[in-house]
Amino acid sequence: MDNQTEAKNIQDFVDKGNYHAAYNTALSGLNACRRNKDQAGVQQFLHIIQGVVDSLTAEFSDPSKY
Protein backbone atom coordinates (compact mmCIF):
# COMPACT_ATOMS: atom_id res chain seq x y z
CA MET A 1 0.00 0.00 0.00
CA ASP A 2 1.26 3.46 -0.90
CA ASN A 3 0.31 5.77 1.97
CA GLN A 4 0.71 8.92 -0.12
CA THR A 5 -1.66 7.63 -2.80
CA GLU A 6 -4.18 6.62 -0.15
CA ALA A 7 -3.89 10.04 1.49
CA LYS A 8 -4.65 11.69 -1.86
CA ASN A 9 -7.63 9.38 -2.42
CA ILE A 10 -8.95 10.24 1.03
CA GLN A 11 -8.58 13.96 0.36
CA ASP A 12 -10.43 13.53 -2.93
CA PHE A 13 -13.32 11.92 -1.02
CA VAL A 14 -13.35 14.80 1.48
CA ASP A 15 -13.29 17.36 -1.34
CA LYS A 16 -16.37 15.67 -2.81
CA GLY A 17 -18.11 15.60 0.57
CA ASN A 18 -17.98 11.81 0.72
CA TYR A 19 -16.93 11.63 4.37
CA HIS A 20 -18.07 8.05 4.80
CA ALA A 21 -15.67 6.82 2.13
CA ALA A 22 -12.90 9.10 3.41
CA TYR A 23 -13.21 7.82 6.97
CA ASN A 24 -13.48 4.15 5.97
CA THR A 25 -10.49 4.39 3.64
CA ALA A 26 -8.43 6.11 6.32
CA LEU A 27 -9.42 3.51 8.90
CA SER A 28 -8.50 0.72 6.48
CA GLY A 29 -5.11 2.36 5.97
CA LEU A 30 -4.61 2.59 9.72
CA ASN A 31 -5.45 -1.10 10.15
CA ALA A 32 -3.11 -2.12 7.32
CA CYS A 33 -0.28 -0.19 8.96
CA ARG A 34 -1.04 -1.78 12.32
CA ARG A 35 -0.91 -5.25 10.77
CA ASN A 36 2.45 -4.40 9.17
CA LYS A 37 3.79 -2.91 12.42
CA ASP A 38 4.29 0.42 10.61
CA GLN A 39 4.01 2.91 13.46
CA ALA A 40 4.82 5.89 11.24
CA GLY A 41 1.94 4.88 8.95
CA VAL A 42 -0.37 4.46 11.94
CA GLN A 43 0.48 7.99 13.05
CA GLN A 44 -0.07 9.30 9.53
CA PHE A 45 -3.52 7.73 9.25
CA LEU A 46 -4.50 8.90 12.74
CA HIS A 47 -3.62 12.41 11.60
CA ILE A 48 -5.65 11.93 8.41
CA ILE A 49 -8.64 10.64 10.39
CA GLN A 50 -8.44 13.71 12.62
CA GLY A 51 -8.45 15.85 9.47
CA VAL A 52 -11.57 14.11 8.19
CA VAL A 53 -13.29 14.71 11.54
CA ASP A 54 -12.15 18.35 11.51
CA SER A 55 -13.63 18.75 8.02
CA LEU A 56 -16.93 17.25 9.17
CA THR A 57 -16.97 19.58 12.15
CA ALA A 58 -16.24 22.63 10.03
CA GLU A 59 -18.97 21.77 7.54
CA PHE A 60 -21.77 20.58 9.76
CA SER A 61 -21.37 21.80 13.31
CA ASP A 62 -23.16 24.72 14.86
CA PRO A 63 -20.45 27.07 16.13
CA SER A 64 -22.75 28.31 18.88
CA LYS A 65 -22.69 24.81 20.41
CA TYR A 66 -18.95 24.69 21.10
C-alpha atoms as a PDB file:
ATOM      1  CA  MET A   1       0.000   0.000   0.000  1.00  0.00           C
ATOM      2  CA  ASP A   2       1.262   3.462  -0.896  1.00  0.00           C
ATOM      3  CA  ASN A   3       0.306   5.772   1.970  1.00  0.00           C
ATOM      4  CA  GLN A   4       0.713   8.921  -0.118  1.00  0.00           C
ATOM      5  CA  THR A   5      -1.656   7.631  -2.799  1.00  0.00           C
ATOM      6  CA  GLU A   6      -4.176   6.616  -0.146  1.00  0.00           C
ATOM      7  CA  ALA A   7      -3.894  10.037   1.491  1.00  0.00           C
ATOM      8  CA  LYS A   8      -4.654  11.692  -1.858  1.00  0.00           C
ATOM      9  CA  ASN A   9      -7.631   9.378  -2.421  1.00  0.00           C
ATOM     10  CA  ILE A  10      -8.952  10.241   1.033  1.00  0.00           C
ATOM     11  CA  GLN A  11      -8.576  13.961   0.360  1.00  0.00           C
ATOM     12  CA  ASP A  12     -10.431  13.532  -2.930  1.00  0.00           C
ATOM     13  CA  PHE A  13     -13.323  11.921  -1.020  1.00  0.00           C
ATOM     14  CA  VAL A  14     -13.346  14.800   1.484  1.00  0.00           C
ATOM     15  CA  ASP A  15     -13.288  17.358  -1.338  1.00  0.00           C
ATOM     16  CA  LYS A  16     -16.371  15.675  -2.811  1.00  0.00           C
ATOM     17  CA  GLY A  17     -18.105  15.605   0.574  1.00  0.00           C
ATOM     18  CA  ASN A  18     -17.981  11.805   0.717  1.00  0.00           C
ATOM     19  CA  TYR A  19     -16.925  11.626   4.367  1.00  0.00           C
ATOM     20  CA  HIS A  20     -18.073   8.048   4.802  1.00  0.00           C
ATOM     21  CA  ALA A  21     -15.666   6.815   2.126  1.00  0.00           C
ATOM     22  CA  ALA A  22     -12.902   9.095   3.411  1.00  0.00           C
ATOM     23  CA  TYR A  23     -13.205   7.816   6.974  1.00  0.00           C
ATOM     24  CA  ASN A  24     -13.477   4.154   5.970  1.00  0.00           C
ATOM     25  CA  THR A  25     -10.492   4.392   3.638  1.00  0.00           C
ATOM     26  CA  ALA A  26      -8.426   6.109   6.324  1.00  0.00           C
ATOM     27  CA  LEU A  27      -9.419   3.507   8.902  1.00  0.00           C
ATOM     28  CA  SER A  28      -8.496   0.716   6.483  1.00  0.00           C
ATOM     29  CA  GLY A  29      -5.108   2.359   5.968  1.00  0.00           C
ATOM     30  CA  LEU A  30      -4.614   2.587   9.719  1.00  0.00           C
ATOM     31  CA  ASN A  31      -5.446  -1.099  10.145  1.00  0.00           C
ATOM     32  CA  ALA A  32      -3.109  -2.121   7.321  1.00  0.00           C
ATOM     33  CA  CYS A  33      -0.279  -0.194   8.957  1.00  0.00           C
ATOM     34  CA  ARG A  34      -1.042  -1.779  12.319  1.00  0.00           C
ATOM     35  CA  ARG A  35      -0.905  -5.255  10.773  1.00  0.00           C
ATOM     36  CA  ASN A  36       2.446  -4.397   9.170  1.00  0.00           C
ATOM     37  CA  LYS A  37       3.786  -2.910  12.422  1.00  0.00           C
ATOM     38  CA  ASP A  38       4.293   0.418  10.606  1.00  0.00           C
ATOM     39  CA  GLN A  39       4.007   2.907  13.465  1.00  0.00           C
ATOM     40  CA  ALA A  40       4.817   5.890  11.243  1.00  0.00           C
ATOM     41  CA  GLY A  41       1.942   4.876   8.953  1.00  0.00           C
ATOM     42  CA  VAL A  42      -0.367   4.460  11.943  1.00  0.00           C
ATOM     43  CA  GLN A  43       0.484   7.989  13.047  1.00  0.00           C
ATOM     44  CA  GLN A  44      -0.067   9.301   9.529  1.00  0.00           C
ATOM     45  CA  PHE A  45      -3.518   7.726   9.250  1.00  0.00           C
ATOM     46  CA  LEU A  46      -4.504   8.897  12.741  1.00  0.00           C
ATOM     47  CA  HIS A  47      -3.622  12.411  11.598  1.00  0.00           C
ATOM     48  CA  ILE A  48      -5.647  11.926   8.410  1.00  0.00           C
ATOM     49  CA  ILE A  49      -8.642  10.636  10.388  1.00  0.00           C
ATOM     50  CA  GLN A  50      -8.442  13.709  12.621  1.00  0.00           C
ATOM     51  CA  GLY A  51      -8.447  15.852   9.474  1.00  0.00           C
ATOM     52  CA  VAL A  52     -11.575  14.109   8.192  1.00  0.00           C
ATOM     53  CA  VAL A  53     -13.287  14.707  11.538  1.00  0.00           C
ATOM     54  CA  ASP A  54     -12.155  18.345  11.511  1.00  0.00           C
ATOM     55  CA  SER A  55     -13.634  18.751   8.022  1.00  0.00           C
ATOM     56  CA  LEU A  56     -16.928  17.251   9.169  1.00  0.00           C
ATOM     57  CA  THR A  57     -16.966  19.577  12.153  1.00  0.00           C
ATOM     58  CA  ALA A  58     -16.239  22.631  10.029  1.00  0.00           C
ATOM     59  CA  GLU A  59     -18.966  21.774   7.544  1.00  0.00           C
ATOM     60  CA  PHE A  60     -21.771  20.581   9.757  1.00  0.00           C
ATOM     61  CA  SER A  61     -21.371  21.795  13.314  1.00  0.00           C
ATOM     62  CA  ASP A  62     -23.165  24.717  14.863  1.00  0.00           C
ATOM     63  CA  PRO A  63     -20.449  27.065  16.133  1.00  0.00           C
ATOM     64  CA  SER A  64     -22.747  28.312  18.877  1.00  0.00           C
ATOM     65  CA  LYS A  65     -22.693  24.809  20.415  1.00  0.00           C
ATOM     66  CA  TYR A  66     -18.947  24.688  21.101  1.00  0.00           C
END
